[in-house]
PDB file of N, CA and C in Angstrom:
ATOM      1  N   MET A   1      -1.910 -34.152 -78.518  1.00  0.00           N
ATOM      2  CA  MET A   1      -2.883 -33.500 -77.684  1.00  0.00           C
ATOM      3  C   MET A   1      -3.621 -32.458 -78.509  1.00  0.00           C
ATOM      4  N   SER A   2      -4.819 -32.372 -78.146  1.00  0.00           N
ATOM      5  CA  SER A   2      -5.597 -31.441 -78.926  1.00  0.00           C
ATOM      6  C   SER A   2      -5.460 -30.041 -78.341  1.00  0.00           C
ATOM      7  N   THR A   3      -5.710 -29.098 -79.156  1.00  0.00           N
ATOM      8  CA  THR A   3      -5.604 -27.697 -78.756  1.00  0.00           C
ATOM      9  C   THR A   3      -6.630 -27.382 -77.681  1.00  0.00           C
ATOM     10  N   ALA A   4      -7.780 -27.962 -77.783  1.00  0.00           N
ATOM     11  CA  ALA A   4      -8.838 -27.713 -76.799  1.00  0.00           C
ATOM     12  C   ALA A   4      -8.398 -28.224 -75.435  1.00  0.00           C
ATOM     13  N   LEU A   5      -7.762 -29.396 -75.407  1.00  0.00           N
ATOM     14  CA  LEU A   5      -7.294 -29.948 -74.130  1.00  0.00           C
ATOM     15  C   LEU A   5      -6.223 -29.056 -73.521  1.00  0.00           C
ATOM     16  N   ILE A   6      -5.340 -28.560 -74.335  1.00  0.00           N
ATOM     17  CA  ILE A   6      -4.278 -27.667 -73.848  1.00  0.00           C
ATOM     18  C   ILE A   6      -4.898 -26.386 -73.298  1.00  0.00           C
ATOM     19  N   ILE A   7      -5.910 -25.867 -74.014  1.00  0.00           N
ATOM     20  CA  ILE A   7      -6.577 -24.649 -73.541  1.00  0.00           C
ATOM     21  C   ILE A   7      -7.284 -24.920 -72.220  1.00  0.00           C
ATOM     22  N   VAL A   8      -7.949 -26.049 -72.081  1.00  0.00           N
ATOM     23  CA  VAL A   8      -8.652 -26.391 -70.837  1.00  0.00           C
ATOM     24  C   VAL A   8      -7.637 -26.533 -69.711  1.00  0.00           C
ATOM     25  N   ILE A   9      -6.527 -27.211 -69.971  1.00  0.00           N
ATOM     26  CA  ILE A   9      -5.486 -27.382 -68.950  1.00  0.00           C
ATOM     27  C   ILE A   9      -4.906 -26.020 -68.571  1.00  0.00           C
ATOM     28  N   ALA A  10      -4.653 -25.169 -69.554  1.00  0.00           N
ATOM     29  CA  ALA A  10      -4.097 -23.838 -69.286  1.00  0.00           C
ATOM     30  C   ALA A  10      -5.065 -23.020 -68.449  1.00  0.00           C
ATOM     31  N   ILE A  11      -6.356 -23.104 -68.785  1.00  0.00           N
ATOM     32  CA  ILE A  11      -7.367 -22.366 -68.020  1.00  0.00           C
ATOM     33  C   ILE A  11      -7.439 -22.932 -66.603  1.00  0.00           C
ATOM     34  N   ALA A  12      -7.378 -24.269 -66.483  1.00  0.00           N
ATOM     35  CA  ALA A  12      -7.422 -24.890 -65.147  1.00  0.00           C
ATOM     36  C   ALA A  12      -6.209 -24.474 -64.326  1.00  0.00           C
ATOM     37  N   VAL A  13      -5.039 -24.479 -64.965  1.00  0.00           N
ATOM     38  CA  VAL A  13      -3.814 -24.052 -64.272  1.00  0.00           C
ATOM     39  C   VAL A  13      -3.960 -22.585 -63.866  1.00  0.00           C
ATOM     40  N   PHE A  14      -4.467 -21.756 -64.779  1.00  0.00           N
ATOM     41  CA  PHE A  14      -4.647 -20.337 -64.480  1.00  0.00           C
ATOM     42  C   PHE A  14      -5.617 -20.150 -63.316  1.00  0.00           C
ATOM     43  N   VAL A  15      -6.708 -20.908 -63.307  1.00  0.00           N
ATOM     44  CA  VAL A  15      -7.697 -20.815 -62.235  1.00  0.00           C
ATOM     45  C   VAL A  15      -7.072 -21.264 -60.916  1.00  0.00           C
ATOM     46  N   VAL A  16      -6.337 -22.379 -60.969  1.00  0.00           N
ATOM     47  CA  VAL A  16      -5.684 -22.874 -59.745  1.00  0.00           C
ATOM     48  C   VAL A  16      -4.675 -21.846 -59.242  1.00  0.00           C
ATOM     49  N   VAL A  17      -3.856 -21.287 -60.138  1.00  0.00           N
ATOM     50  CA  VAL A  17      -2.862 -20.280 -59.744  1.00  0.00           C
ATOM     51  C   VAL A  17      -3.568 -19.049 -59.169  1.00  0.00           C
ATOM     52  N   ALA A  18      -4.675 -18.645 -59.788  1.00  0.00           N
ATOM     53  CA  ALA A  18      -5.435 -17.486 -59.296  1.00  0.00           C
ATOM     54  C   ALA A  18      -6.006 -17.779 -57.915  1.00  0.00           C
ATOM     55  N   LEU A  19      -6.559 -18.980 -57.734  1.00  0.00           N
ATOM     56  CA  LEU A  19      -7.092 -19.358 -56.417  1.00  0.00           C
ATOM     57  C   LEU A  19      -5.993 -19.392 -55.355  1.00  0.00           C
ATOM     58  N   VAL A  20      -4.852 -19.951 -55.708  1.00  0.00           N
ATOM     59  CA  VAL A  20      -3.721 -20.000 -54.764  1.00  0.00           C
ATOM     60  C   VAL A  20      -3.270 -18.586 -54.436  1.00  0.00           C
ATOM     61  N   ALA A  21      -3.192 -17.731 -55.449  1.00  0.00           N
ATOM     62  CA  ALA A  21      -2.776 -16.340 -55.224  1.00  0.00           C
ATOM     63  C   ALA A  21      -3.775 -15.630 -54.308  1.00  0.00           C
ATOM     64  N   MET A  22      -5.079 -15.864 -54.530  1.00  0.00           N
ATOM     65  CA  MET A  22      -6.095 -15.238 -53.672  1.00  0.00           C
ATOM     66  C   MET A  22      -5.987 -15.763 -52.241  1.00  0.00           C
ATOM     67  N   LEU A  23      -5.777 -17.066 -52.121  1.00  0.00           N
ATOM     68  CA  LEU A  23      -5.633 -17.645 -50.778  1.00  0.00           C
ATOM     69  C   LEU A  23      -4.394 -17.084 -50.071  1.00  0.00           C
ATOM     70  N   LEU A  24      -3.299 -16.985 -50.802  1.00  0.00           N
ATOM     71  CA  LEU A  24      -2.073 -16.423 -50.213  1.00  0.00           C
ATOM     72  C   LEU A  24      -2.270 -14.959 -49.833  1.00  0.00           C
ATOM     73  N   LYS A  25      -2.945 -14.212 -50.677  1.00  0.00           N
ATOM     74  CA  LYS A  25      -3.216 -12.800 -50.378  1.00  0.00           C
ATOM     75  C   LYS A  25      -4.112 -12.697 -49.145  1.00  0.00           C
ATOM     76  N   ARG A  26      -5.168 -13.535 -49.118  1.00  0.00           N
ATOM     77  CA  ARG A  26      -6.080 -13.520 -47.975  1.00  0.00           C
ATOM     78  C   ARG A  26      -5.335 -13.880 -46.702  1.00  0.00           C
ATOM     79  N   ARG A  27      -4.491 -14.905 -46.775  1.00  0.00           N
ATOM     80  CA  ARG A  27      -3.698 -15.326 -45.611  1.00  0.00           C
ATOM     81  C   ARG A  27      -2.778 -14.202 -45.156  1.00  0.00           C
ATOM     82  N   ALA A  28      -2.170 -13.487 -46.103  1.00  0.00           N
ATOM     83  CA  ALA A  28      -1.283 -12.367 -45.762  1.00  0.00           C
ATOM     84  C   ALA A  28      -2.071 -11.250 -45.075  1.00  0.00           C
ATOM     85  N   VAL A  29      -3.278 -10.960 -45.553  1.00  0.00           N
ATOM     86  CA  VAL A  29      -4.128  -9.935 -44.946  1.00  0.00           C
ATOM     87  C   VAL A  29      -4.523 -10.366 -43.529  1.00  0.00           C
ATOM     88  N   GLU A  30      -4.890 -11.641 -43.380  1.00  0.00           N
ATOM     89  CA  GLU A  30      -5.256 -12.144 -42.050  1.00  0.00           C
ATOM     90  C   GLU A  30      -4.076 -12.054 -41.090  1.00  0.00           C
ATOM     91  N   ARG A  31      -2.870 -12.403 -41.597  1.00  0.00           N
ATOM     92  CA  ARG A  31      -1.679 -12.291 -40.745  1.00  0.00           C
ATOM     93  C   ARG A  31      -1.406 -10.845 -40.344  1.00  0.00           C
ATOM     94  N   GLU A  32      -1.607  -9.931 -41.273  1.00  0.00           N
ATOM     95  CA  GLU A  32      -1.386  -8.520 -40.946  1.00  0.00           C
ATOM     96  C   GLU A  32      -2.415  -8.041 -39.926  1.00  0.00           C
ATOM     97  N   ILE A  33      -3.672  -8.460 -40.082  1.00  0.00           N
ATOM     98  CA  ILE A  33      -4.719  -8.097 -39.115  1.00  0.00           C
ATOM     99  C   ILE A  33      -4.356  -8.665 -37.743  1.00  0.00           C
ATOM    100  N   GLU A  34      -3.940  -9.934 -37.715  1.00  0.00           N
ATOM    101  CA  GLU A  34      -3.542 -10.567 -36.450  1.00  0.00           C
ATOM    102  C   GLU A  34      -2.324  -9.850 -35.852  1.00  0.00           C
ATOM    103  N   HIS A  35      -1.376  -9.487 -36.713  1.00  0.00           N
ATOM    104  CA  HIS A  35      -0.184  -8.761 -36.251  1.00  0.00           C
ATOM    105  C   HIS A  35      -0.576  -7.427 -35.623  1.00  0.00           C
ATOM    106  N   ASP A  36      -1.464  -6.703 -36.307  1.00  0.00           N
ATOM    107  CA  ASP A  36      -1.922  -5.411 -35.772  1.00  0.00           C
ATOM    108  C   ASP A  36      -2.660  -5.583 -34.450  1.00  0.00           C
ATOM    109  N   ARG A  37      -3.505  -6.627 -34.375  1.00  0.00           N
ATOM    110  CA  ARG A  37      -4.247  -6.888 -33.133  1.00  0.00           C
ATOM    111  C   ARG A  37      -3.281  -7.199 -31.993  1.00  0.00           C
ATOM    112  N   LEU A  38      -2.340  -8.098 -32.245  1.00  0.00           N
ATOM    113  CA  LEU A  38      -1.371  -8.465 -31.204  1.00  0.00           C
ATOM    114  C   LEU A  38      -0.487  -7.283 -30.816  1.00  0.00           C
ATOM    115  N   SER A  39      -0.136  -6.482 -31.799  1.00  0.00           N
ATOM    116  CA  SER A  39       0.680  -5.303 -31.527  1.00  0.00           C
ATOM    117  C   SER A  39      -0.081  -4.321 -30.633  1.00  0.00           C
ATOM    118  N   GLY A  40      -1.365  -4.135 -30.932  1.00  0.00           N
ATOM    119  CA  GLY A  40      -2.195  -3.252 -30.102  1.00  0.00           C
ATOM    120  C   GLY A  40      -2.338  -3.785 -28.689  1.00  0.00           C
ATOM    121  N   GLU A  41      -2.554  -5.106 -28.567  1.00  0.00           N
ATOM    122  CA  GLU A  41      -2.674  -5.706 -27.233  1.00  0.00           C
ATOM    123  C   GLU A  41      -1.364  -5.580 -26.467  1.00  0.00           C
ATOM    124  N   ALA A  42      -0.244  -5.820 -27.162  1.00  0.00           N
ATOM    125  CA  ALA A  42       1.066  -5.701 -26.505  1.00  0.00           C
ATOM    126  C   ALA A  42       1.284  -4.270 -26.014  1.00  0.00           C
ATOM    127  N   PHE A  43       0.911  -3.295 -26.835  1.00  0.00           N
ATOM    128  CA  PHE A  43       1.063  -1.896 -26.435  1.00  0.00           C
ATOM    129  C   PHE A  43       0.205  -1.588 -25.216  1.00  0.00           C
ATOM    130  N   ALA A  44      -1.037  -2.077 -25.231  1.00  0.00           N
ATOM    131  CA  ALA A  44      -1.942  -1.831 -24.097  1.00  0.00           C
ATOM    132  C   ALA A  44      -1.397  -2.485 -22.827  1.00  0.00           C
ATOM    133  N   HIS A  45      -0.903  -3.711 -22.954  1.00  0.00           N
ATOM    134  CA  HIS A  45      -0.337  -4.390 -21.782  1.00  0.00           C
ATOM    135  C   HIS A  45       0.923  -3.675 -21.287  1.00  0.00           C
ATOM    136  N   ARG A  46       1.771  -3.218 -22.201  1.00  0.00           N
ATOM    137  CA  ARG A  46       2.984  -2.492 -21.813  1.00  0.00           C
ATOM    138  C   ARG A  46       2.599  -1.203 -21.089  1.00  0.00           C
ATOM    139  N   ASP A  47       1.599  -0.523 -21.618  1.00  0.00           N
ATOM    140  CA  ASP A  47       1.120   0.711 -20.994  1.00  0.00           C
ATOM    141  C   ASP A  47       0.592   0.431 -19.586  1.00  0.00           C
ATOM    142  N   GLN A  48      -0.188  -0.644 -19.455  1.00  0.00           N
ATOM    143  CA  GLN A  48      -0.738  -1.019 -18.142  1.00  0.00           C
ATOM    144  C   GLN A  48       0.383  -1.430 -17.192  1.00  0.00           C
ATOM    145  N   ALA A  49       1.377  -2.138 -17.708  1.00  0.00           N
ATOM    146  CA  ALA A  49       2.518  -2.548 -16.874  1.00  0.00           C
ATOM    147  C   ALA A  49       3.257  -1.326 -16.353  1.00  0.00           C
ATOM    148  N   ASP A  50       3.459  -0.331 -17.208  1.00  0.00           N
ATOM    149  CA  ASP A  50       4.123   0.901 -16.773  1.00  0.00           C
ATOM    150  C   ASP A  50       3.303   1.616 -15.706  1.00  0.00           C
ATOM    151  N   ALA A  51       1.984   1.681 -15.915  1.00  0.00           N
ATOM    152  CA  ALA A  51       1.118   2.340 -14.930  1.00  0.00           C
ATOM    153  C   ALA A  51       1.175   1.603 -13.602  1.00  0.00           C
ATOM    154  N   ASN A  52       1.142   0.267 -13.642  1.00  0.00           N
ATOM    155  CA  ASN A  52       1.205  -0.516 -12.408  1.00  0.00           C
ATOM    156  C   ASN A  52       2.561  -0.382 -11.733  1.00  0.00           C
ATOM    157  N   ALA A  53       3.632  -0.316 -12.513  1.00  0.00           N
ATOM    158  CA  ALA A  53       4.969  -0.132 -11.931  1.00  0.00           C
ATOM    159  C   ALA A  53       5.055   1.223 -11.236  1.00  0.00           C
ATOM    160  N   ASN A  54       4.506   2.255 -11.859  1.00  0.00           N
ATOM    161  CA  ASN A  54       4.505   3.580 -11.239  1.00  0.00           C
ATOM    162  C   ASN A  54       3.680   3.573  -9.957  1.00  0.00           C
ATOM    163  N   ARG A  55       2.549   2.904  -9.997  1.00  0.00           N
ATOM    164  CA  ARG A  55       1.701   2.818  -8.803  1.00  0.00           C
ATOM    165  C   ARG A  55       2.414   2.064  -7.694  1.00  0.00           C
ATOM    166  N   ALA A  56       3.071   0.973  -8.052  1.00  0.00           N
ATOM    167  CA  ALA A  56       3.817   0.201  -7.048  1.00  0.00           C
ATOM    168  C   ALA A  56       4.924   1.056  -6.438  1.00  0.00           C
ATOM    169  N   ARG A  57       5.602   1.835  -7.261  1.00  0.00           N
ATOM    170  CA  ARG A  57       6.667   2.718  -6.760  1.00  0.00           C
ATOM    171  C   ARG A  57       6.088   3.763  -5.807  1.00  0.00           C
ATOM    172  N   ASP A  58       4.961   4.361  -6.197  1.00  0.00           N
ATOM    173  CA  ASP A  58       4.313   5.362  -5.336  1.00  0.00           C
ATOM    174  C   ASP A  58       3.841   4.734  -4.023  1.00  0.00           C
ATOM    175  N   LEU A  59       3.242   3.560  -4.116  1.00  0.00           N
ATOM    176  CA  LEU A  59       2.771   2.877  -2.905  1.00  0.00           C
ATOM    177  C   LEU A  59       3.945   2.484  -2.018  1.00  0.00           C
ATOM    178  N   GLY A  60       5.071   2.116  -2.625  1.00  0.00           N
ATOM    179  CA  GLY A  60       6.271   1.795  -1.852  1.00  0.00           C
ATOM    180  C   GLY A  60       6.761   2.995  -1.066  1.00  0.00           C
ATOM    181  N   ARG A  61       6.775   4.147  -1.720  1.00  0.00           N
ATOM    182  CA  ARG A  61       7.178   5.386  -1.008  1.00  0.00           C
ATOM    183  C   ARG A  61       6.206   5.697   0.127  1.00  0.00           C
ATOM    184  N   GLU A  62       4.914   5.539  -0.160  1.00  0.00           N
ATOM    185  CA  GLU A  62       3.896   5.807   0.858  1.00  0.00           C
ATOM    186  C   GLU A  62       4.041   4.842   2.036  1.00  0.00           C
ATOM    187  N   ALA A  63       4.320   3.586   1.735  1.00  0.00           N
ATOM    188  CA  ALA A  63       4.508   2.588   2.799  1.00  0.00           C
ATOM    189  C   ALA A  63       5.727   2.943   3.645  1.00  0.00           C
ATOM    190  N   GLN A  64       6.802   3.394   3.004  1.00  0.00           N
ATOM    191  CA  GLN A  64       8.001   3.792   3.753  1.00  0.00           C
ATOM    192  C   GLN A  64       7.686   4.964   4.679  1.00  0.00           C
ATOM    193  N   GLU A  65       6.929   5.924   4.173  1.00  0.00           N
ATOM    194  CA  GLU A  65       6.569   7.084   4.989  1.00  0.00           C
ATOM    195  C   GLU A  65       5.702   6.656   6.179  1.00  0.00           C
ATOM    196  N   GLU A  66       4.743   5.770   5.927  1.00  0.00           N
ATOM    197  CA  GLU A  66       3.890   5.275   7.012  1.00  0.00           C
ATOM    198  C   GLU A  66       4.721   4.518   8.043  1.00  0.00           C
ATOM    199  N   ARG A  67       5.681   3.701   7.576  1.00  0.00           N
ATOM    200  CA  ARG A  67       6.550   2.951   8.486  1.00  0.00           C
ATOM    201  C   ARG A  67       7.374   3.925   9.332  1.00  0.00           C
ATOM    202  N   LYS A  68       7.887   4.979   8.699  1.00  0.00           N
ATOM    203  CA  LYS A  68       8.683   5.977   9.419  1.00  0.00           C
ATOM    204  C   LYS A  68       7.830   6.655  10.492  1.00  0.00           C
ATOM    205  N   GLN A  69       6.600   7.032  10.133  1.00  0.00           N
ATOM    206  CA  GLN A  69       5.712   7.676  11.106  1.00  0.00           C
ATOM    207  C   GLN A  69       5.344   6.720  12.236  1.00  0.00           C
ATOM    208  N   ALA A  70       5.158   5.450  11.897  1.00  0.00           N
ATOM    209  CA  ALA A  70       4.840   4.463  12.936  1.00  0.00           C
ATOM    210  C   ALA A  70       5.995   4.354  13.924  1.00  0.00           C
ATOM    211  N   GLU A  71       7.214   4.349  13.415  1.00  0.00           N
ATOM    212  CA  GLU A  71       8.388   4.280  14.298  1.00  0.00           C
ATOM    213  C   GLU A  71       8.485   5.531  15.164  1.00  0.00           C
ATOM    214  N   GLU A  72       8.222   6.691  14.568  1.00  0.00           N
ATOM    215  CA  GLU A  72       8.271   7.939  15.344  1.00  0.00           C
ATOM    216  C   GLU A  72       7.215   7.914  16.446  1.00  0.00           C
ATOM    217  N   HIS A  73       6.031   7.431  16.122  1.00  0.00           N
ATOM    218  CA  HIS A  73       4.968   7.351  17.125  1.00  0.00           C
ATOM    219  C   HIS A  73       5.318   6.339  18.214  1.00  0.00           C
ATOM    220  N   ALA A  74       5.969   5.253  17.829  1.00  0.00           N
ATOM    221  CA  ALA A  74       6.377   4.252  18.823  1.00  0.00           C
ATOM    222  C   ALA A  74       7.387   4.857  19.792  1.00  0.00           C
ATOM    223  N   VAL A  75       8.334   5.644  19.270  1.00  0.00           N
ATOM    224  CA  VAL A  75       9.315   6.303  20.126  1.00  0.00           C
ATOM    225  C   VAL A  75       8.613   7.292  21.054  1.00  0.00           C
ATOM    226  N   ALA A  76       7.700   8.085  20.486  1.00  0.00           N
ATOM    227  CA  ALA A  76       6.957   9.051  21.302  1.00  0.00           C
ATOM    228  C   ALA A  76       6.120   8.325  22.350  1.00  0.00           C
ATOM    229  N   SER A  77       5.539   7.203  21.971  1.00  0.00           N
ATOM    230  CA  SER A  77       4.739   6.428  22.914  1.00  0.00           C
ATOM    231  C   SER A  77       5.601   5.929  24.066  1.00  0.00           C
ATOM    232  N   ASP A  78       6.797   5.448  23.752  1.00  0.00           N
ATOM    233  CA  ASP A  78       7.712   4.994  24.803  1.00  0.00           C
ATOM    234  C   ASP A  78       8.078   6.148  25.735  1.00  0.00           C
ATOM    235  N   GLU A  79       8.337   7.306  25.136  1.00  0.00           N
ATOM    236  CA  GLU A  79       8.681   8.481  25.957  1.00  0.00           C
ATOM    237  C   GLU A  79       7.500   8.882  26.839  1.00  0.00           C
ATOM    238  N   HIS A  80       6.297   8.839  26.297  1.00  0.00           N
ATOM    239  CA  HIS A  80       5.105   9.192  27.076  1.00  0.00           C
ATOM    240  C   HIS A  80       4.869   8.176  28.190  1.00  0.00           C
ATOM    241  N   ALA A  81       5.092   6.908  27.892  1.00  0.00           N
ATOM    242  CA  ALA A  81       4.913   5.873  28.923  1.00  0.00           C
ATOM    243  C   ALA A  81       5.923   6.086  30.054  1.00  0.00           C
ATOM    244  N   ARG A  82       7.152   6.418  29.680  1.00  0.00           N
ATOM    245  CA  ARG A  82       8.183   6.682  30.687  1.00  0.00           C
ATOM    246  C   ARG A  82       7.806   7.908  31.529  1.00  0.00           C
ATOM    247  N   ALA A  83       7.341   8.966  30.874  1.00  0.00           N
ATOM    248  CA  ALA A  83       6.925  10.175  31.592  1.00  0.00           C
ATOM    249  C   ALA A  83       5.721   9.868  32.482  1.00  0.00           C
ATOM    250  N   ALA A  84       4.780   9.074  31.987  1.00  0.00           N
ATOM    251  CA  ALA A  84       3.604   8.717  32.786  1.00  0.00           C
ATOM    252  C   ALA A  84       4.036   7.937  34.025  1.00  0.00           C
ATOM    253  N   GLN A  85       4.990   7.045  33.872  1.00  0.00           N
ATOM    254  CA  GLN A  85       5.488   6.274  35.012  1.00  0.00           C
ATOM    255  C   GLN A  85       6.141   7.195  36.036  1.00  0.00           C
ATOM    256  N   GLU A  86       6.927   8.152  35.552  1.00  0.00           N
ATOM    257  CA  GLU A  86       7.571   9.112  36.463  1.00  0.00           C
ATOM    258  C   GLU A  86       6.514   9.934  37.204  1.00  0.00           C
ATOM    259  N   HIS A  87       5.483  10.382  36.498  1.00  0.00           N
ATOM    260  CA  HIS A  87       4.418  11.163  37.130  1.00  0.00           C
ATOM    261  C   HIS A  87       3.658  10.311  38.151  1.00  0.00           C
ATOM    262  N   ALA A  88       3.415   9.049  37.810  1.00  0.00           N
ATOM    263  CA  ALA A  88       2.711   8.167  38.745  1.00  0.00           C
ATOM    264  C   ALA A  88       3.543   7.965  40.011  1.00  0.00           C
ATOM    265  N   GLU A  89       4.855   7.788  39.863  1.00  0.00           N
ATOM    266  CA  GLU A  89       5.734   7.625  41.018  1.00  0.00           C
ATOM    267  C   GLU A  89       5.749   8.904  41.866  1.00  0.00           C
ATOM    268  N   ARG A  90       5.810  10.046  41.192  1.00  0.00           N
ATOM    269  CA  ARG A  90       5.818  11.341  41.915  1.00  0.00           C
ATOM    270  C   ARG A  90       4.489  11.525  42.649  1.00  0.00           C
ATOM    271  N   ALA A  91       3.361  11.141  41.987  1.00  0.00           N
ATOM    272  CA  ALA A  91       2.047  11.259  42.616  1.00  0.00           C
ATOM    273  C   ALA A  91       1.968  10.362  43.849  1.00  0.00           C
ATOM    274  N   THR A  92       2.491   9.143  43.748  1.00  0.00           N
ATOM    275  CA  THR A  92       2.494   8.233  44.901  1.00  0.00           C
ATOM    276  C   THR A  92       3.296   8.830  46.050  1.00  0.00           C
ATOM    277  N   GLU A  93       4.448   9.387  45.719  1.00  0.00           N
ATOM    278  CA  GLU A  93       5.291  10.016  46.739  1.00  0.00           C
ATOM    279  C   GLU A  93       4.560  11.189  47.402  1.00  0.00           C
ATOM    280  N   LEU A  94       3.909  12.012  46.580  1.00  0.00           N
ATOM    281  CA  LEU A  94       3.176  13.156  47.127  1.00  0.00           C
ATOM    282  C   LEU A  94       1.984  12.706  47.974  1.00  0.00           C
ATOM    283  N   GLU A  95       1.305  11.632  47.527  1.00  0.00           N
ATOM    284  CA  GLU A  95       0.185  11.109  48.314  1.00  0.00           C
ATOM    285  C   GLU A  95       0.658  10.623  49.681  1.00  0.00           C
ATOM    286  N   GLN A  96       1.849  10.018  49.724  1.00  0.00           N
ATOM    287  CA  GLN A  96       2.406   9.584  51.004  1.00  0.00           C
ATOM    288  C   GLN A  96       2.732  10.800  51.877  1.00  0.00           C
ATOM    289  N   ARG A  97       3.231  11.838  51.242  1.00  0.00           N
ATOM    290  CA  ARG A  97       3.545  13.056  52.008  1.00  0.00           C
ATOM    291  C   ARG A  97       2.267  13.724  52.506  1.00  0.00           C
ATOM    292  N   VAL A  98       1.176  13.628  51.671  1.00  0.00           N
ATOM    293  CA  VAL A  98      -0.118  14.174  52.102  1.00  0.00           C
ATOM    294  C   VAL A  98      -0.583  13.430  53.344  1.00  0.00           C
ATOM    295  N   GLU A  99      -0.443  12.106  53.318  1.00  0.00           N
ATOM    296  CA  GLU A  99      -0.842  11.291  54.465  1.00  0.00           C
ATOM    297  C   GLU A  99      -0.036  11.689  55.707  1.00  0.00           C
ATOM    298  N   THR A 100       1.275  11.813  55.530  1.00  0.00           N
ATOM    299  CA  THR A 100       2.141  12.180  56.655  1.00  0.00           C
ATOM    300  C   THR A 100       1.780  13.564  57.172  1.00  0.00           C
ATOM    301  N   ALA A 101       1.569  14.499  56.251  1.00  0.00           N
ATOM    302  CA  ALA A 101       1.222  15.865  56.665  1.00  0.00           C
ATOM    303  C   ALA A 101      -0.142  15.877  57.354  1.00  0.00           C
ATOM    304  N   GLY A 102      -1.080  15.055  56.853  1.00  0.00           N
ATOM    305  CA  GLY A 102      -2.404  14.970  57.481  1.00  0.00           C
ATOM    306  C   GLY A 102      -2.309  14.426  58.899  1.00  0.00           C
ATOM    307  N   ARG A 103      -1.477  13.368  59.093  1.00  0.00           N
ATOM    308  CA  ARG A 103      -1.287  12.825  60.450  1.00  0.00           C
ATOM    309  C   ARG A 103      -0.632  13.864  61.353  1.00  0.00           C
ATOM    310  N   ALA A 104       0.341  14.577  60.799  1.00  0.00           N
ATOM    311  CA  ALA A 104       1.015  15.604  61.602  1.00  0.00           C
ATOM    312  C   ALA A 104       0.033  16.715  61.965  1.00  0.00           C
ATOM    313  N   ALA A 105      -0.832  17.084  61.009  1.00  0.00           N
ATOM    314  CA  ALA A 105      -1.823  18.129  61.298  1.00  0.00           C
ATOM    315  C   ALA A 105      -2.782  17.662  62.377  1.00  0.00           C
ATOM    316  N   ALA A 106      -3.199  16.390  62.289  1.00  0.00           N
ATOM    317  CA  ALA A 106      -4.115  15.849  63.298  1.00  0.00           C
ATOM    318  C   ALA A 106      -3.435  15.829  64.664  1.00  0.00           C
ATOM    319  N   PHE A 107      -2.165  15.411  64.701  1.00  0.00           N
ATOM    320  CA  PHE A 107      -1.419  15.378  65.958  1.00  0.00           C
ATOM    321  C   PHE A 107      -1.336  16.776  66.565  1.00  0.00           C
ATOM    322  N   HIS A 108      -0.954  17.734  65.745  1.00  0.00           N
ATOM    323  CA  HIS A 108      -0.784  19.091  66.272  1.00  0.00           C
ATOM    324  C   HIS A 108      -2.130  19.713  66.640  1.00  0.00           C
ATOM    325  N   ASP A 109      -3.196  19.310  65.929  1.00  0.00           N
ATOM    326  CA  ASP A 109      -4.534  19.793  66.286  1.00  0.00           C
ATOM    327  C   ASP A 109      -4.920  19.265  67.661  1.00  0.00           C
ATOM    328  N   GLU A 110      -4.619  17.993  67.903  1.00  0.00           N
ATOM    329  CA  GLU A 110      -4.897  17.411  69.229  1.00  0.00           C
ATOM    330  C   GLU A 110      -4.072  18.112  70.309  1.00  0.00           C
ATOM    331  N   GLN A 111      -2.819  18.342  69.993  1.00  0.00           N
ATOM    332  CA  GLN A 111      -1.936  19.015  70.969  1.00  0.00           C
ATOM    333  C   GLN A 111      -2.453  20.426  71.260  1.00  0.00           C
ATOM    334  N   ALA A 112      -2.883  21.121  70.234  1.00  0.00           N
ATOM    335  CA  ALA A 112      -3.392  22.461  70.425  1.00  0.00           C
ATOM    336  C   ALA A 112      -4.664  22.416  71.254  1.00  0.00           C
ATOM    337  N   ALA A 113      -5.539  21.427  70.991  1.00  0.00           N
ATOM    338  CA  ALA A 113      -6.778  21.294  71.747  1.00  0.00           C
ATOM    339  C   ALA A 113      -6.473  21.021  73.208  1.00  0.00           C
ATOM    340  N   GLU A 114      -5.478  20.155  73.481  1.00  0.00           N
ATOM    341  CA  GLU A 114      -5.096  19.878  74.871  1.00  0.00           C
ATOM    342  C   GLU A 114      -4.598  21.146  75.563  1.00  0.00           C
ATOM    343  N   ARG A 115      -3.781  21.874  74.851  1.00  0.00           N
ATOM    344  CA  ARG A 115      -3.219  23.084  75.449  1.00  0.00           C
ATOM    345  C   ARG A 115      -4.313  24.111  75.700  1.00  0.00           C
ATOM    346  N   GLU A 116      -5.273  24.161  74.788  1.00  0.00           N
ATOM    347  CA  GLU A 116      -6.376  25.106  74.961  1.00  0.00           C
ATOM    348  C   GLU A 116      -7.257  24.664  76.143  1.00  0.00           C
ATOM    349  N   ASP A 117      -7.403  23.352  76.335  1.00  0.00           N
ATOM    350  CA  ASP A 117      -8.175  22.862  77.472  1.00  0.00           C
ATOM    351  C   ASP A 117      -7.482  23.224  78.782  1.00  0.00           C
ATOM    352  N   ARG A 118      -6.190  23.162  78.808  1.00  0.00           N
ATOM    353  CA  ARG A 118      -5.450  23.515  80.028  1.00  0.00           C
ATOM    354  C   ARG A 118      -5.587  24.990  80.347  1.00  0.00           C
ATOM    355  N   LEU A 119      -5.682  25.801  79.311  1.00  0.00           N
ATOM    356  CA  LEU A 119      -5.820  27.238  79.524  1.00  0.00           C
ATOM    357  C   LEU A 119      -7.163  27.562  80.109  1.00  0.00           C
ATOM    358  N   ALA A 120      -8.076  26.763  79.859  1.00  0.00           N
ATOM    359  CA  ALA A 120      -9.430  27.085  80.286  1.00  0.00           C
ATOM    360  C   ALA A 120      -9.709  26.697  81.691  1.00  0.00           C
TER     361      ALA A 120
END
């Protein structure tokens, strides 16, 4: 083999090795960029997940409080309905007594008028 051929082969091998090294370096840089990008996205998603979990916890507490107040209002509503029914029954009873007292007043008014007519 001639020296020139060996030099050409050596230069070709060197060029190929240099190209492979550059490609490997470029690939490593791209992987690191991709790693950093994915790491940033993962951090952002983790942060958002934590914020959403906190919000869900807060909303859960708020929902429990609203449910408790709804139950308290339902109990109060039942008590008010019961009291309203008692008042309505008492009013009906009093209205009947008003009617009876009115009839009695009319009767006694007639009796008084008769007695006054006899006096005259």
